[in-house]
Amino acid sequence: MSEQTSKKRIERRKFLGAIAAVGTAAAVGAAIAAPVAAEAEQSAKPEGPQEGYRETAHIRRYYETARF
């Protein structure tokens, strides 16, 4: 094997190793961020009878303009 081919292989290994390290870091970051995001989403929900469909003024206006 020539010295140039050997050097290319080493560079390729470093590149693949760097990609693996970045992928691992991204996976760890996502695993850490997921519970925090879920917790924030739960605390952002309003309390009380806010569930379900409500026909408000802007929805009625849309219905009026959407008629053919």
N, C-alpha and C. Protein backbone atom coordinates (compact mmCIF):
# COMPACT_ATOMS: atom_id res chain seq x y z
N MET A 1 0.85 -1.16 0.00
CA MET A 1 0.00 0.00 0.00
C MET A 1 0.90 1.23 0.00
N SER A 2 0.52 2.20 -0.80
CA SER A 2 1.33 3.42 -0.87
C SER A 2 1.04 4.30 0.34
N GLU A 3 1.92 5.26 0.54
CA GLU A 3 1.75 6.17 1.67
C GLU A 3 0.52 7.06 1.49
N GLN A 4 0.25 7.45 0.25
CA GLN A 4 -0.90 8.30 -0.03
C GLN A 4 -2.21 7.56 0.24
N THR A 5 -2.30 6.30 -0.15
CA THR A 5 -3.50 5.50 0.10
C THR A 5 -3.70 5.31 1.59
N SER A 6 -2.60 5.06 2.32
CA SER A 6 -2.68 4.89 3.76
C SER A 6 -3.17 6.18 4.43
N LYS A 7 -2.69 7.33 3.93
CA LYS A 7 -3.10 8.61 4.50
C LYS A 7 -4.59 8.86 4.25
N LYS A 8 -5.10 8.49 3.06
CA LYS A 8 -6.51 8.65 2.76
C LYS A 8 -7.37 7.81 3.68
N ARG A 9 -6.91 6.58 3.95
CA ARG A 9 -7.67 5.71 4.85
C ARG A 9 -7.76 6.28 6.25
N ILE A 10 -6.63 6.85 6.72
CA ILE A 10 -6.62 7.44 8.06
C ILE A 10 -7.56 8.64 8.09
N GLU A 11 -7.54 9.48 7.04
CA GLU A 11 -8.42 10.63 6.99
C GLU A 11 -9.88 10.19 6.96
N ARG A 12 -10.16 9.13 6.21
CA ARG A 12 -11.53 8.62 6.13
C ARG A 12 -11.98 8.10 7.49
N ARG A 13 -11.10 7.44 8.20
CA ARG A 13 -11.43 6.93 9.53
C ARG A 13 -11.71 8.07 10.50
N LYS A 14 -10.92 9.12 10.42
CA LYS A 14 -11.15 10.28 11.29
C LYS A 14 -12.50 10.91 10.97
N PHE A 15 -12.81 11.01 9.68
CA PHE A 15 -14.08 11.59 9.26
C PHE A 15 -15.25 10.75 9.77
N LEU A 16 -15.17 9.44 9.59
CA LEU A 16 -16.25 8.56 10.04
C LEU A 16 -16.36 8.58 11.57
N GLY A 17 -15.22 8.66 12.25
CA GLY A 17 -15.25 8.75 13.71
C GLY A 17 -15.90 10.04 14.17
N ALA A 18 -15.62 11.14 13.46
CA ALA A 18 -16.24 12.42 13.82
C ALA A 18 -17.74 12.38 13.60
N ILE A 19 -18.18 11.75 12.50
CA ILE A 19 -19.61 11.63 12.24
C ILE A 19 -20.29 10.81 13.33
N ALA A 20 -19.65 9.74 13.75
CA ALA A 20 -20.21 8.90 14.82
C ALA A 20 -20.32 9.69 16.12
N ALA A 21 -19.31 10.51 16.41
CA ALA A 21 -19.33 11.30 17.64
C ALA A 21 -20.45 12.34 17.59
N VAL A 22 -20.63 12.99 16.44
CA VAL A 22 -21.68 13.99 16.30
C VAL A 22 -23.06 13.32 16.41
N GLY A 23 -23.22 12.16 15.79
CA GLY A 23 -24.49 11.44 15.88
C GLY A 23 -24.82 11.04 17.30
N THR A 24 -23.82 10.58 18.02
CA THR A 24 -24.02 10.20 19.41
C THR A 24 -24.40 11.41 20.25
N ALA A 25 -23.72 12.52 20.04
CA ALA A 25 -24.02 13.74 20.79
C ALA A 25 -25.44 14.22 20.49
N ALA A 26 -25.86 14.12 19.23
CA ALA A 26 -27.22 14.54 18.87
C ALA A 26 -28.26 13.63 19.53
N ALA A 27 -27.99 12.34 19.56
CA ALA A 27 -28.93 11.41 20.19
C ALA A 27 -29.04 11.67 21.69
N VAL A 28 -27.93 11.93 22.33
CA VAL A 28 -27.95 12.22 23.77
C VAL A 28 -28.69 13.54 24.02
N GLY A 29 -28.43 14.53 23.19
CA GLY A 29 -29.12 15.81 23.35
C GLY A 29 -30.61 15.68 23.18
N ALA A 30 -31.04 14.88 22.20
CA ALA A 30 -32.47 14.68 21.98
C ALA A 30 -33.10 13.92 23.14
N ALA A 31 -32.37 12.95 23.67
CA ALA A 31 -32.90 12.18 24.79
C ALA A 31 -33.07 13.04 26.03
N ILE A 32 -32.17 13.98 26.21
CA ILE A 32 -32.26 14.87 27.37
C ILE A 32 -33.35 15.92 27.16
N ALA A 33 -33.49 16.42 25.95
CA ALA A 33 -34.43 17.50 25.67
C ALA A 33 -35.88 17.02 25.63
N ALA A 34 -36.12 15.78 25.26
CA ALA A 34 -37.49 15.29 25.11
C ALA A 34 -38.30 15.38 26.41
N PRO A 35 -37.81 14.91 27.54
CA PRO A 35 -38.60 15.04 28.77
C PRO A 35 -38.81 16.49 29.19
N VAL A 36 -37.83 17.34 28.94
CA VAL A 36 -37.97 18.75 29.30
C VAL A 36 -39.06 19.40 28.45
N ALA A 37 -39.08 19.08 27.15
CA ALA A 37 -40.09 19.65 26.26
C ALA A 37 -41.48 19.14 26.63
N ALA A 38 -41.60 17.87 26.96
CA ALA A 38 -42.89 17.31 27.34
C ALA A 38 -43.40 17.95 28.63
N GLU A 39 -42.49 18.18 29.55
CA GLU A 39 -42.87 18.81 30.82
C GLU A 39 -43.34 20.25 30.58
N ALA A 40 -42.65 20.96 29.71
CA ALA A 40 -43.04 22.34 29.41
C ALA A 40 -44.38 22.38 28.70
N GLU A 41 -44.63 21.41 27.83
CA GLU A 41 -45.90 21.36 27.11
C GLU A 41 -47.06 21.10 28.07
N GLN A 42 -46.86 20.24 29.04
CA GLN A 42 -47.91 19.94 30.00
C GLN A 42 -48.22 21.16 30.87
N SER A 43 -47.20 21.90 31.22
CA SER A 43 -47.44 23.06 32.09
C SER A 43 -48.05 24.23 31.30
N ALA A 44 -47.95 24.22 29.97
CA ALA A 44 -48.48 25.30 29.16
C ALA A 44 -49.97 25.13 28.87
N LYS A 45 -50.52 23.96 29.11
CA LYS A 45 -51.94 23.73 28.83
C LYS A 45 -52.80 24.49 29.84
N PRO A 46 -53.82 25.19 29.36
CA PRO A 46 -54.70 25.90 30.29
C PRO A 46 -55.58 24.93 31.07
N GLU A 47 -55.93 25.33 32.24
CA GLU A 47 -56.78 24.50 33.09
C GLU A 47 -58.24 24.89 32.89
N GLY A 48 -59.12 23.97 33.12
CA GLY A 48 -60.54 24.26 33.01
C GLY A 48 -61.16 23.69 31.75
N PRO A 49 -62.40 24.05 31.50
CA PRO A 49 -63.13 23.47 30.36
C PRO A 49 -62.75 24.14 29.03
N GLN A 50 -61.55 23.89 28.56
CA GLN A 50 -61.06 24.48 27.32
C GLN A 50 -61.08 23.49 26.16
N GLU A 51 -61.50 22.27 26.39
CA GLU A 51 -61.43 21.24 25.37
C GLU A 51 -62.64 21.30 24.45
N GLY A 52 -62.45 20.81 23.25
CA GLY A 52 -63.57 20.68 22.33
C GLY A 52 -63.67 21.83 21.35
N TYR A 53 -64.61 21.69 20.46
CA TYR A 53 -64.84 22.68 19.40
C TYR A 53 -65.69 23.82 19.93
N ARG A 54 -65.26 25.03 19.65
CA ARG A 54 -66.03 26.21 20.03
C ARG A 54 -66.16 27.10 18.80
N GLU A 55 -67.37 27.47 18.47
CA GLU A 55 -67.59 28.35 17.34
C GLU A 55 -67.50 29.79 17.81
N THR A 56 -66.38 30.41 17.49
CA THR A 56 -66.16 31.79 17.90
C THR A 56 -66.48 32.73 16.74
N ALA A 57 -66.36 34.02 16.98
CA ALA A 57 -66.72 35.02 15.97
C ALA A 57 -65.87 34.88 14.72
N HIS A 58 -64.58 34.65 14.87
CA HIS A 58 -63.75 34.54 13.67
C HIS A 58 -64.04 33.27 12.88
N ILE A 59 -64.48 32.21 13.55
CA ILE A 59 -64.87 30.99 12.84
C ILE A 59 -66.17 31.22 12.10
N ARG A 60 -67.13 31.88 12.71
CA ARG A 60 -68.39 32.19 12.02
C ARG A 60 -68.13 33.06 10.79
N ARG A 61 -67.23 34.03 10.93
CA ARG A 61 -66.88 34.90 9.80
C ARG A 61 -66.27 34.08 8.66
N TYR A 62 -65.43 33.12 9.01
CA TYR A 62 -64.85 32.24 7.99
C TYR A 62 -65.94 31.44 7.29
N TYR A 63 -66.86 30.88 8.05
CA TYR A 63 -67.95 30.12 7.45
C TYR A 63 -68.76 30.97 6.48
N GLU A 64 -68.99 32.21 6.83
CA GLU A 64 -69.75 33.12 5.95
C GLU A 64 -69.00 33.40 4.66
N THR A 65 -67.70 33.58 4.74
CA THR A 65 -66.93 33.89 3.54
C THR A 65 -66.63 32.65 2.70
N ALA A 66 -66.74 31.48 3.27
CA ALA A 66 -66.41 30.25 2.55
C ALA A 66 -67.60 29.68 1.80
N ARG A 67 -68.75 30.27 1.95
CA ARG A 67 -69.95 29.77 1.25
C ARG A 67 -69.82 30.05 -0.24
N PHE A 68 -70.35 29.14 -1.04
CA PHE A 68 -70.28 29.31 -2.50
C PHE A 68 -71.59 29.79 -3.05
